[in-house]
Amino acid sequence: MKTNVLEVVIGAVVIVAASFFLYFAYVTSGEKIKDGYNIFARFEDVSGLTEGADVKINGIKVGIVNKLSLDKEDYSARADLTIKNEYKIPEDSSLSISTDGLMGNKFISISLGYSDKYLEPKSELEDTKSSVNLEKIIDTVINGFINKPSSKKEESDNTKE
């Protein structure tokens, strides 16, 4: 009978600990910026970028990606970003999709411009650079090696003629 009570107590502790971790994950995953303004950007490709991803300036988080959508007219990817009010973005700034490390999470990096005018809420940034798709690069490299004929063999065939 003693082992049954011990098993129940250990099971209850495990359930409480798991509940705490689930609650913590739920609370931290849906971070919202309360005092911020929205800006928009269009990209050719947002592969790997997700809603809730960070927006950073010089590695410091200044906002989040609220929504990603596909424009029905030109099929570009549209990103809706919220930037904290304390950060003003010059109009001539540029956005790029970057990665934390080689295989890390994607985020939007802002390269600040030098303009004295700042983006107004609901404005759209024109200067964007899409994410680098590692799968496409690997595919291109592999296909380059497979489809490239041996140059020595071609040279010897040409000298015989």
Protein backbone atom coordinates (compact mmCIF):
# COMPACT_ATOMS: atom_id res chain seq x y z
CA MET A 1 0.00 0.00 0.00
CA LYS A 2 2.94 2.30 0.71
CA THR A 3 4.23 2.13 -2.86
CA ASN A 4 0.83 3.11 -4.24
CA VAL A 5 0.77 6.29 -2.13
CA LEU A 6 4.34 7.13 -3.17
CA GLU A 7 3.49 6.60 -6.84
CA VAL A 8 0.46 8.86 -6.54
CA VAL A 9 2.52 11.62 -4.89
CA ILE A 10 5.25 11.38 -7.55
CA GLY A 11 2.61 11.39 -10.29
CA ALA A 12 0.98 14.51 -8.82
CA VAL A 13 4.35 16.30 -8.66
CA VAL A 14 5.05 15.42 -12.30
CA ILE A 15 1.61 16.69 -13.37
CA VAL A 16 2.07 19.98 -11.48
CA ALA A 17 5.54 20.48 -12.98
CA ALA A 18 4.28 19.73 -16.50
CA SER A 19 1.36 22.13 -15.99
CA PHE A 20 3.76 24.87 -14.91
CA PHE A 21 5.92 24.39 -18.03
CA LEU A 22 2.88 24.38 -20.33
CA TYR A 23 1.57 27.58 -18.73
CA PHE A 24 4.98 29.23 -19.03
CA ALA A 25 5.25 28.24 -22.71
CA TYR A 26 1.76 29.55 -23.41
CA VAL A 27 2.39 32.88 -21.71
CA THR A 28 5.78 33.55 -23.33
CA SER A 29 4.98 32.32 -26.85
CA GLY A 30 2.23 34.80 -27.62
CA GLU A 31 4.11 37.97 -26.73
CA LYS A 32 2.24 41.09 -27.72
CA ILE A 33 3.58 44.61 -27.84
CA LYS A 34 1.10 46.89 -26.13
CA ASP A 35 2.68 50.26 -26.91
CA GLY A 36 3.72 50.00 -30.53
CA TYR A 37 2.94 51.04 -34.08
CA ASN A 38 2.39 48.92 -37.18
CA ILE A 39 4.43 49.05 -40.36
CA PHE A 40 4.30 46.81 -43.41
CA ALA A 41 6.84 45.27 -45.76
CA ARG A 42 6.72 43.14 -48.90
CA PHE A 43 9.13 40.30 -49.60
CA GLU A 44 9.56 37.92 -52.52
CA ASP A 45 10.01 34.97 -50.16
CA VAL A 46 9.48 34.61 -46.40
CA SER A 47 10.39 30.92 -46.13
CA GLY A 48 10.95 29.96 -42.50
CA LEU A 49 9.65 33.24 -41.06
CA THR A 50 6.68 32.79 -38.73
CA GLU A 51 4.13 34.99 -37.05
CA GLY A 52 5.49 36.01 -33.67
CA ALA A 53 9.08 36.14 -34.96
CA ASP A 54 11.34 38.90 -33.66
CA VAL A 55 12.13 42.19 -35.39
CA LYS A 56 15.64 43.33 -34.44
CA ILE A 57 17.96 46.29 -34.83
CA ASN A 58 21.63 45.42 -34.29
CA GLY A 59 20.58 42.18 -32.57
CA ILE A 60 18.21 43.89 -30.11
CA LYS A 61 14.52 43.00 -30.25
CA VAL A 62 12.42 46.06 -31.11
CA GLY A 63 9.24 44.43 -32.39
CA ILE A 64 7.46 41.32 -33.62
CA VAL A 65 5.90 39.93 -36.80
CA ASN A 66 2.13 40.08 -36.31
CA LYS A 67 0.90 38.56 -39.53
CA LEU A 68 2.17 37.11 -42.79
CA SER A 69 -0.10 37.13 -45.83
CA LEU A 70 0.02 36.74 -49.60
CA ASP A 71 -0.89 39.74 -51.74
CA LYS A 72 -3.58 38.66 -54.21
CA GLU A 73 -2.44 41.07 -56.95
CA ASP A 74 1.29 40.42 -57.30
CA TYR A 75 1.65 37.35 -55.02
CA SER A 76 4.31 38.97 -52.90
CA ALA A 77 4.53 38.08 -49.21
CA ARG A 78 3.29 40.87 -46.95
CA ALA A 79 4.58 41.15 -43.38
CA ASP A 80 2.66 43.15 -40.76
CA LEU A 81 5.11 44.26 -38.07
CA THR A 82 4.63 45.95 -34.70
CA ILE A 83 7.50 48.15 -33.53
CA LYS A 84 7.78 49.41 -29.94
CA ASN A 85 6.93 53.14 -29.69
CA GLU A 86 10.32 53.97 -28.21
CA TYR A 87 12.05 53.09 -31.51
CA LYS A 88 11.70 55.37 -34.53
CA ILE A 89 12.65 53.88 -37.90
CA PRO A 90 14.07 56.24 -40.59
CA GLU A 91 12.21 56.17 -43.91
CA ASP A 92 15.24 55.00 -45.88
CA SER A 93 15.83 51.92 -43.70
CA SER A 94 15.90 48.42 -45.17
CA LEU A 95 14.61 45.08 -43.93
CA SER A 96 16.08 41.65 -44.42
CA ILE A 97 15.15 38.20 -43.20
CA SER A 98 18.02 36.75 -41.19
CA THR A 99 18.71 33.58 -39.22
CA ASP A 100 20.06 33.04 -35.71
CA GLY A 101 23.06 30.89 -36.59
CA LEU A 102 23.16 28.41 -39.45
CA MET A 103 19.89 26.60 -38.73
CA GLY A 104 18.31 28.90 -36.12
CA ASN A 105 15.04 30.80 -36.03
CA LYS A 106 14.34 33.40 -38.70
CA PHE A 107 13.78 37.04 -37.76
CA ILE A 108 13.53 40.39 -39.51
CA SER A 109 16.59 42.58 -39.24
CA ILE A 110 16.27 46.34 -39.72
CA SER A 111 19.25 48.20 -41.18
CA LEU A 112 18.70 51.81 -40.19
CA GLY A 113 18.89 54.53 -42.80
CA TYR A 114 20.07 58.10 -42.37
CA SER A 115 16.90 60.05 -43.13
CA ASP A 116 15.65 62.72 -40.75
CA LYS A 117 12.08 61.58 -41.47
CA TYR A 118 10.68 58.56 -39.68
CA LEU A 119 8.15 55.96 -40.73
CA GLU A 120 4.59 56.82 -39.82
CA PRO A 121 2.25 54.14 -38.45
CA LYS A 122 0.71 52.01 -41.23
CA SER A 123 3.47 52.94 -43.69
CA GLU A 124 5.21 50.41 -45.91
CA LEU A 125 8.94 49.84 -46.28
CA GLU A 126 10.01 49.31 -49.87
CA ASP A 127 13.64 48.20 -49.45
CA THR A 128 13.50 44.52 -48.44
CA LYS A 129 15.66 41.45 -48.92
CA SER A 130 14.11 37.97 -48.80
CA SER A 131 15.42 35.06 -46.82
CA VAL A 132 18.14 32.79 -48.12
CA ASN A 133 16.66 29.37 -48.72
CA LEU A 134 19.34 26.85 -47.71
CA GLU A 135 17.51 23.99 -49.46
CA LYS A 136 17.58 25.86 -52.79
CA ILE A 137 21.30 26.57 -52.43
CA ILE A 138 22.10 22.93 -51.65
CA ASP A 139 19.93 21.79 -54.56
CA THR A 140 21.73 24.17 -56.94
CA VAL A 141 25.15 22.98 -55.77
CA ILE A 142 24.21 19.30 -56.06
CA ASN A 143 22.67 19.76 -59.50
CA GLY A 144 25.75 21.69 -60.59
CA PHE A 145 28.00 18.76 -59.71
CA ILE A 146 25.69 16.13 -61.18
CA ASN A 147 25.00 17.93 -64.46
CA LYS A 148 28.55 19.21 -65.01
CA PRO A 149 30.39 16.98 -67.49
CA SER A 150 34.01 16.15 -66.85
CA SER A 151 36.13 18.81 -68.55
CA LYS A 152 39.13 16.47 -69.06
CA LYS A 153 37.05 13.97 -70.97
CA GLU A 154 35.65 16.72 -73.22
CA GLU A 155 39.15 18.06 -73.91
CA SER A 156 40.47 14.61 -74.89
CA ASP A 157 37.45 14.02 -77.15
CA ASN A 158 38.03 17.38 -78.86
CA THR A 159 41.75 16.74 -79.47
CA LYS A 160 41.06 13.42 -81.22
CA GLU A 161 38.93 15.10 -83.88
